[in-house]
Protein backbone atom coordinates (compact mmCIF):
# COMPACT_ATOMS: atom_id res chain seq x y z
CA ASN A 1 57.46 -77.18 36.27
CA VAL A 2 56.52 -76.52 39.89
CA ILE A 3 57.11 -79.14 42.58
CA LEU A 4 56.39 -79.28 46.34
CA LEU A 5 59.40 -79.65 48.64
CA TYR A 6 57.90 -81.39 51.69
CA ASN A 7 60.90 -80.83 53.99
CA GLU A 8 60.99 -77.05 53.37
CA GLY A 9 57.23 -76.63 52.98
CA MET A 10 57.36 -74.60 49.75
CA TYR A 11 56.59 -74.79 46.01
CA VAL A 12 59.68 -74.36 43.76
CA CYS A 13 60.07 -74.07 39.96
CA THR A 14 62.55 -76.65 38.65
CA ASP A 15 63.45 -74.47 35.61
CA CYS A 16 64.37 -71.15 37.24
CA ALA A 17 64.57 -72.20 40.95
CA ARG A 18 62.14 -69.47 41.88
CA THR A 19 60.03 -70.01 45.03
CA VAL A 20 56.40 -69.85 44.11
CA GLN A 21 54.87 -70.22 47.60
CA LYS A 22 56.35 -70.53 51.11
CA TYR A 23 55.03 -72.03 54.34
CA VAL A 24 52.81 -74.69 52.87
CA VAL A 25 50.98 -76.64 55.62
CA SER A 26 50.72 -80.37 55.02
CA GLU A 27 47.23 -81.76 55.51
CA GLY A 28 48.38 -85.38 55.63
CA SER A 29 48.97 -87.67 58.61
CA GLU A 30 51.61 -86.99 61.25
CA TRP A 31 53.00 -90.47 60.60
CA ARG A 32 52.95 -92.96 57.79
CA THR A 33 49.51 -94.32 57.06
CA PHE A 34 48.14 -96.88 54.62
CA LYS A 35 44.74 -95.25 54.59
CA SER A 36 43.76 -93.05 51.71
CA ASP A 37 43.89 -89.31 52.45
CA SER A 38 41.01 -88.77 50.09
CA GLY A 39 38.51 -89.79 52.73
CA SER A 40 36.65 -92.80 54.12
CA SER A 41 33.46 -93.65 55.91
CA ARG A 42 34.98 -92.44 59.25
CA GLY A 43 36.30 -89.12 57.97
CA ALA A 44 39.13 -87.70 55.93
CA ASP A 45 41.93 -89.30 57.99
CA PRO A 46 40.92 -91.56 60.91
CA ASN A 47 44.54 -92.18 61.91
CA ARG A 48 45.31 -88.60 62.89
CA VAL A 49 46.07 -87.69 66.51
CA GLY A 50 43.00 -87.46 68.72
CA GLN A 51 41.91 -87.66 72.34
CA ALA A 52 42.51 -90.67 74.57
CA GLU A 53 40.32 -93.72 74.07
CA ARG A 54 38.84 -93.23 77.56
CA PRO A 55 38.75 -90.19 79.86
CA GLY A 56 41.59 -90.04 82.39
CA ALA A 57 43.90 -92.37 80.48
CA GLU A 58 47.44 -91.07 80.26
CA LEU A 59 48.31 -93.52 77.50
CA SER A 60 46.02 -94.99 74.86
CA LEU A 61 47.24 -96.58 71.64
CA SER A 62 45.56 -98.79 69.03
CA LEU A 63 47.57 -101.00 66.71
CA GLY A 64 45.83 -102.02 63.51
CA VAL A 65 42.16 -101.65 62.64
CA GLN A 66 39.75 -104.37 61.57
CA ASN A 67 37.02 -103.94 58.98
CA GLY A 68 34.49 -103.07 61.65
CA GLY A 69 36.66 -100.25 62.94
CA LYS A 70 37.66 -102.08 66.16
CA PRO A 71 41.35 -102.08 67.13
CA ILE A 72 43.17 -105.42 66.99
CA VAL A 73 45.50 -104.51 69.88
CA ARG A 74 44.80 -101.79 72.43
CA ILE A 75 47.41 -100.60 74.91
CA GLN A 76 46.08 -98.42 77.69
CA ASP A 77 47.77 -96.98 80.73
CA LYS A 78 47.31 -99.24 83.75
CA SER A 79 48.45 -96.46 86.09
CA THR A 80 45.15 -94.57 85.72
CA GLU A 81 43.62 -96.36 88.71
CA TRP A 82 46.86 -95.86 90.64
CA GLN A 83 46.71 -92.11 89.94
CA LYS A 84 43.03 -91.94 90.86
CA LYS A 85 43.69 -93.45 94.31
CA LEU A 86 46.55 -91.00 94.85
CA ASN A 87 44.36 -88.04 93.88
CA ASP A 88 41.66 -89.21 96.30
CA GLY A 89 44.21 -89.20 99.11
CA PHE A 90 45.45 -85.74 98.14
CA ARG A 91 41.87 -84.52 98.16
CA ASP A 92 41.36 -85.84 101.71
CA ILE A 93 44.54 -84.13 102.90
CA MET A 94 43.65 -80.77 101.34
CA SER A 95 40.10 -80.84 102.70
CA LEU A 96 41.10 -81.86 106.23
CA GLY A 97 44.10 -79.52 106.23
CA ARG A 98 41.89 -76.53 105.41
CA ASP A 99 39.41 -77.54 108.12
CA LEU A 100 42.28 -77.68 110.63
CA ASP A 101 43.53 -74.21 109.56
CA LEU A 102 46.87 -75.55 108.32
CA LYS A 103 48.92 -73.63 105.78
CA LYS A 104 49.88 -74.70 102.27
CA VAL A 105 53.40 -75.67 103.35
CA HIS A 106 51.95 -78.15 105.87
CA ILE A 107 49.57 -79.63 103.29
CA ASP A 108 52.34 -79.97 100.69
CA ARG A 109 54.58 -81.88 103.09
CA ALA A 110 51.68 -84.09 104.06
CA LYS A 111 51.10 -84.85 100.38
CA ASP A 112 54.73 -85.94 99.97
CA ALA A 113 54.41 -88.29 102.91
CA TYR A 114 51.10 -89.67 101.66
CA GLN A 115 52.58 -90.42 98.24
CA ARG A 116 55.31 -92.51 99.88
CA ILE A 117 52.69 -94.57 101.70
CA HIS A 118 50.66 -94.83 98.51
CA ASP A 119 53.73 -96.15 96.67
CA ILE A 120 54.10 -98.79 99.38
CA LYS A 121 50.45 -99.85 99.20
CA ASN A 122 50.36 -99.85 95.38
CA PRO A 123 53.93 -100.56 94.25
CA HIS A 124 55.00 -100.68 90.62
CA ASN A 125 57.78 -103.08 91.62
CA LYS A 126 56.43 -105.46 94.27
CA SER A 127 59.82 -107.03 95.01
CA ALA A 128 61.21 -103.64 96.14
CA VAL A 129 58.65 -103.20 98.96
CA ASP A 130 58.88 -104.61 102.47
CA LYS A 131 55.91 -106.96 102.86
CA GLU A 132 55.49 -106.19 106.57
CA VAL A 133 55.35 -102.43 105.96
CA LYS A 134 52.89 -102.90 103.12
CA LYS A 135 50.69 -105.11 105.32
CA HIS A 136 50.62 -102.46 108.06
CA PHE A 137 49.52 -99.68 105.72
CA SER A 138 47.17 -101.75 103.56
CA ALA A 139 44.97 -102.46 106.59
CA LEU A 140 44.42 -98.72 107.22
CA LYS A 141 41.68 -96.56 105.79
CA ARG A 142 42.71 -93.87 103.34
CA GLU A 143 41.12 -91.14 105.46
CA ALA A 144 42.89 -92.41 108.60
CA ILE A 145 46.28 -92.30 106.87
CA ALA A 146 45.67 -88.75 105.68
CA ALA A 147 44.59 -87.66 109.18
CA ALA A 148 47.59 -89.34 110.86
CA ILE A 149 50.03 -87.68 108.46
CA LEU A 150 48.53 -84.25 109.12
CA TYR A 151 48.75 -84.93 112.87
CA HIS A 152 52.50 -85.65 112.60
CA VAL A 153 53.17 -82.76 110.21
CA ALA A 154 51.39 -80.28 112.48
CA THR A 155 53.27 -81.58 115.52
CA ALA A 156 56.66 -81.43 113.83
CA MET A 157 56.13 -77.90 112.49
CA ASP A 158 55.03 -76.46 115.86
CA VAL A 159 51.34 -76.09 115.02
CA PRO A 160 50.06 -79.12 116.94
CA ARG A 161 46.56 -80.45 116.44
CA GLN A 162 45.03 -82.84 118.94
CA ARG A 163 43.21 -86.03 118.04
CA ALA A 164 39.97 -84.45 119.23
CA ASP A 165 40.43 -81.61 116.71
CA ILE A 166 41.04 -84.04 113.87
CA LEU A 167 38.15 -86.33 114.78
CA ARG A 168 35.83 -83.33 114.97
CA GLU A 169 36.60 -82.52 111.32
CA ALA A 170 37.20 -86.03 109.93
CA ARG A 171 33.89 -87.67 110.78
CA THR A 172 34.41 -90.76 108.60
CA ILE A 173 36.98 -92.33 110.95
CA THR A 174 36.91 -93.40 114.59
CA ASP A 175 39.35 -92.62 117.38
CA ARG A 176 40.65 -96.18 117.14
CA ASP A 177 41.33 -95.79 113.40
CA LEU A 178 43.24 -92.56 114.01
CA ARG A 179 45.30 -93.91 116.92
CA THR A 180 46.29 -96.99 114.92
CA ALA A 181 47.28 -94.90 111.90
CA ILE A 182 49.33 -92.51 114.07
CA LYS A 183 51.22 -95.40 115.69
CA ARG A 184 51.99 -97.14 112.40
CA THR A 185 53.12 -94.01 110.58
CA LYS A 186 55.37 -93.17 113.52
CA ARG A 187 56.73 -96.72 113.60
CA HIS A 188 57.74 -96.48 109.94
CA ALA A 189 58.81 -92.83 110.12
CA LYS A 190 62.08 -93.50 108.28
CA VAL A 191 60.10 -94.64 105.26
CA VAL A 192 57.28 -92.11 105.41
CA PHE A 193 59.25 -89.02 106.52
CA PRO A 194 62.87 -89.61 105.42
CA ASP A 195 63.66 -85.94 104.77
CA MET A 196 62.41 -84.40 108.00
CA LYS A 197 64.61 -83.56 110.98
CA LYS A 198 63.16 -83.99 114.45
CA TRP A 199 59.85 -84.98 112.84
CA PHE A 200 58.40 -86.40 116.02
CA SER A 201 59.45 -83.70 118.45
CA ALA A 202 57.34 -83.78 121.59
CA MET A 203 54.18 -81.69 121.55
CA LYS A 204 54.62 -78.85 124.03
CA ALA A 205 51.86 -78.33 126.56
CA SER A 206 52.55 -74.59 126.59
CA LYS A 207 51.62 -74.32 122.90
CA ILE A 208 48.38 -76.19 123.53
CA VAL A 209 47.62 -73.75 126.36
CA ARG A 210 48.06 -70.79 124.02
CA ARG A 211 45.78 -72.29 121.39
CA ARG A 212 43.00 -73.37 123.78
CA CYS A 213 43.02 -70.12 125.72
CA GLY A 214 42.48 -68.31 122.43
CA GLU A 215 39.49 -70.53 121.67
CA LEU A 216 38.02 -69.96 125.15
CA ARG A 217 38.74 -66.20 124.96
CA ILE A 218 40.59 -66.31 128.25
CA PRO A 219 42.34 -63.00 129.09
CA ARG A 220 46.00 -62.73 128.16
CA LYS A 221 47.12 -62.29 131.75
CA ILE A 222 45.55 -65.61 132.81
CA SER A 223 46.77 -67.47 129.72
CA ASN A 224 50.34 -66.28 130.38
CA VAL A 225 50.16 -67.68 133.92
CA ALA A 226 48.77 -71.00 132.62
CA GLU A 227 51.51 -71.19 130.00
CA MET A 228 54.14 -70.56 132.66
CA ILE A 229 52.70 -73.31 134.88
CA ALA A 230 52.65 -75.75 131.95
CA LYS A 231 56.31 -75.00 131.13
CA ALA A 232 57.36 -75.41 134.74
CA THR A 233 55.46 -78.70 135.05
CA GLU A 234 57.18 -80.11 131.96
CA LYS A 235 60.64 -78.97 133.05
CA LYS A 236 60.19 -80.37 136.57
CA GLY A 237 58.77 -83.64 135.21
CA THR A 238 55.81 -83.64 137.59
CA LEU A 239 53.40 -85.37 135.20
CA GLU A 240 55.99 -87.26 133.20
CA GLY A 241 54.36 -89.73 130.81
CA LYS A 242 51.05 -87.88 130.73
CA GLN A 243 49.59 -86.43 127.56
CA PRO A 244 50.57 -82.78 126.87
CA ALA A 245 46.87 -81.92 126.54
CA THR A 246 46.30 -83.14 130.11
CA ILE A 247 49.13 -80.95 131.44
CA ALA A 248 47.83 -77.98 129.47
CA GLY A 249 44.26 -78.42 130.71
CA ALA A 250 45.39 -78.74 134.32
CA ALA A 251 47.56 -75.61 134.01
CA VAL A 252 44.64 -73.59 132.64
CA LEU A 253 42.42 -74.85 135.47
CA ILE A 254 44.98 -73.78 138.09
CA ALA A 255 45.38 -70.34 136.51
CA LEU A 256 41.60 -69.77 136.33
CA ARG A 257 41.08 -70.81 139.96
CA ALA A 258 43.99 -68.64 141.11
CA SER A 259 42.63 -65.59 139.25
CA GLY A 260 39.25 -65.87 140.95
CA ASP A 261 37.50 -65.21 137.64
CA ALA A 262 34.12 -66.96 137.90
CA THR A 263 32.98 -66.07 134.38
CA PHE A 264 34.53 -69.22 132.89
CA ASP A 265 32.80 -72.57 133.30
CA GLU A 266 35.29 -75.30 134.26
CA SER A 267 33.23 -77.95 132.51
CA GLN A 268 33.53 -75.94 129.26
CA VAL A 269 37.31 -75.85 129.72
CA ALA A 270 37.39 -79.64 130.13
CA LEU A 271 35.20 -80.07 127.05
CA THR A 272 37.53 -77.88 124.98
CA PHE A 273 40.51 -80.01 125.97
CA GLY A 274 38.56 -83.19 125.28
CA LEU A 275 38.98 -84.51 128.85
CA ALA A 276 36.80 -85.11 131.88
CA LEU A 277 36.69 -82.38 134.50
CA SER A 278 37.53 -84.92 137.23
CA THR A 279 40.70 -85.90 135.33
CA LEU A 280 41.82 -82.29 134.98
CA SER A 281 41.10 -81.59 138.64
CA SER A 282 43.17 -84.62 139.72
CA ARG A 283 46.12 -83.60 137.51
CA ALA A 284 45.88 -80.01 138.76
CA GLN A 285 46.09 -81.24 142.35
CA GLU A 286 49.17 -83.33 141.48
CA ILE A 287 50.85 -80.25 140.02
CA LEU A 288 50.04 -78.20 143.13
CA ASN A 289 51.25 -80.99 145.43
CA ALA A 290 54.58 -80.95 143.57
CA GLY A 291 54.97 -77.28 144.47
CA VAL A 292 54.21 -75.80 141.05
CA ASN A 293 51.81 -72.85 141.09
CA GLU A 294 51.53 -69.33 139.73
CA ARG A 295 54.10 -68.07 142.24
CA THR A 296 56.77 -70.76 141.88
CA ALA A 297 56.47 -71.43 138.13
CA GLU A 298 58.57 -68.43 137.12
CA GLY A 299 61.34 -69.38 139.58
CA ILE A 300 61.41 -72.98 138.33
CA ILE A 301 61.77 -71.83 134.72
CA GLU A 302 64.57 -69.36 135.56
CA GLU A 303 66.42 -72.04 137.54
CA TYR A 304 66.13 -74.54 134.71
CA GLU A 305 67.26 -72.09 132.03
CA SER A 306 70.25 -70.94 134.12
CA ARG A 307 71.72 -74.46 134.23
CA PRO A 308 74.79 -75.02 131.99
CA SER A 309 74.15 -77.01 128.84
CA LYS A 310 75.26 -80.66 128.90
CA ARG A 311 76.38 -80.51 125.28
CA ARG A 312 80.11 -80.52 124.75
């Protein structure tokens, strides 16, 4: 008299208690079913676990089956579209981040920030979201949000990228779209970047000088002078309120003119900085009128750094 013990998965003799066969695999359903295991028109066991009802669905469940094989009640995951939009944004960030030569750590932080904005635009709990914040972000293009986040991440982590750099790579958005997205993400920085310290630290003109001089293949000696002039201009506050790129471009122009190197075209320098040559020339003259040049820049920096700190 041999019986099958389902819990242990073995055949046992009821007379002598000897195990006849171990590790028996059940071929029945994983759960209780009212369908015959002997087979049907749709296969041996149509209620066994299978793939999702539709590709990409994280949840798909059918309750009850009619004669025609159609489910009476179908529950499918409504978050599939939500996840698809999030993945599209991540794809934009990764593509633009690689084009801007940003590292993985920058892209990962940008993804975290983008997900917070995505949660605001597509909330699971609408009552928990500020309507004004949602309105601000809902009006922005997905690509513009991704570009603005990368702009802020690069600035905060001391690898600044200018708007001209971003617009050159992200050709689906305009300068107006990018400027609007940058302003709105900065306005709601506490929501978008809650875990970052000094997220919106000022972009240093000296760092822009270093980057642009590398692109223009300007000799190290001249780039060092331009960087020194840019630092001195910022510390003296000569062009206070002006864009760091303007200060950087003017400093490079002064250094090139002072070196007497005629191999570099000034119009090419202006084009690299994304500014008009007349604008750079005017700002360079303002810096020189304030007494900042290749000879005084080093003294201004040493004087500034020798001052006692105001912190107590």
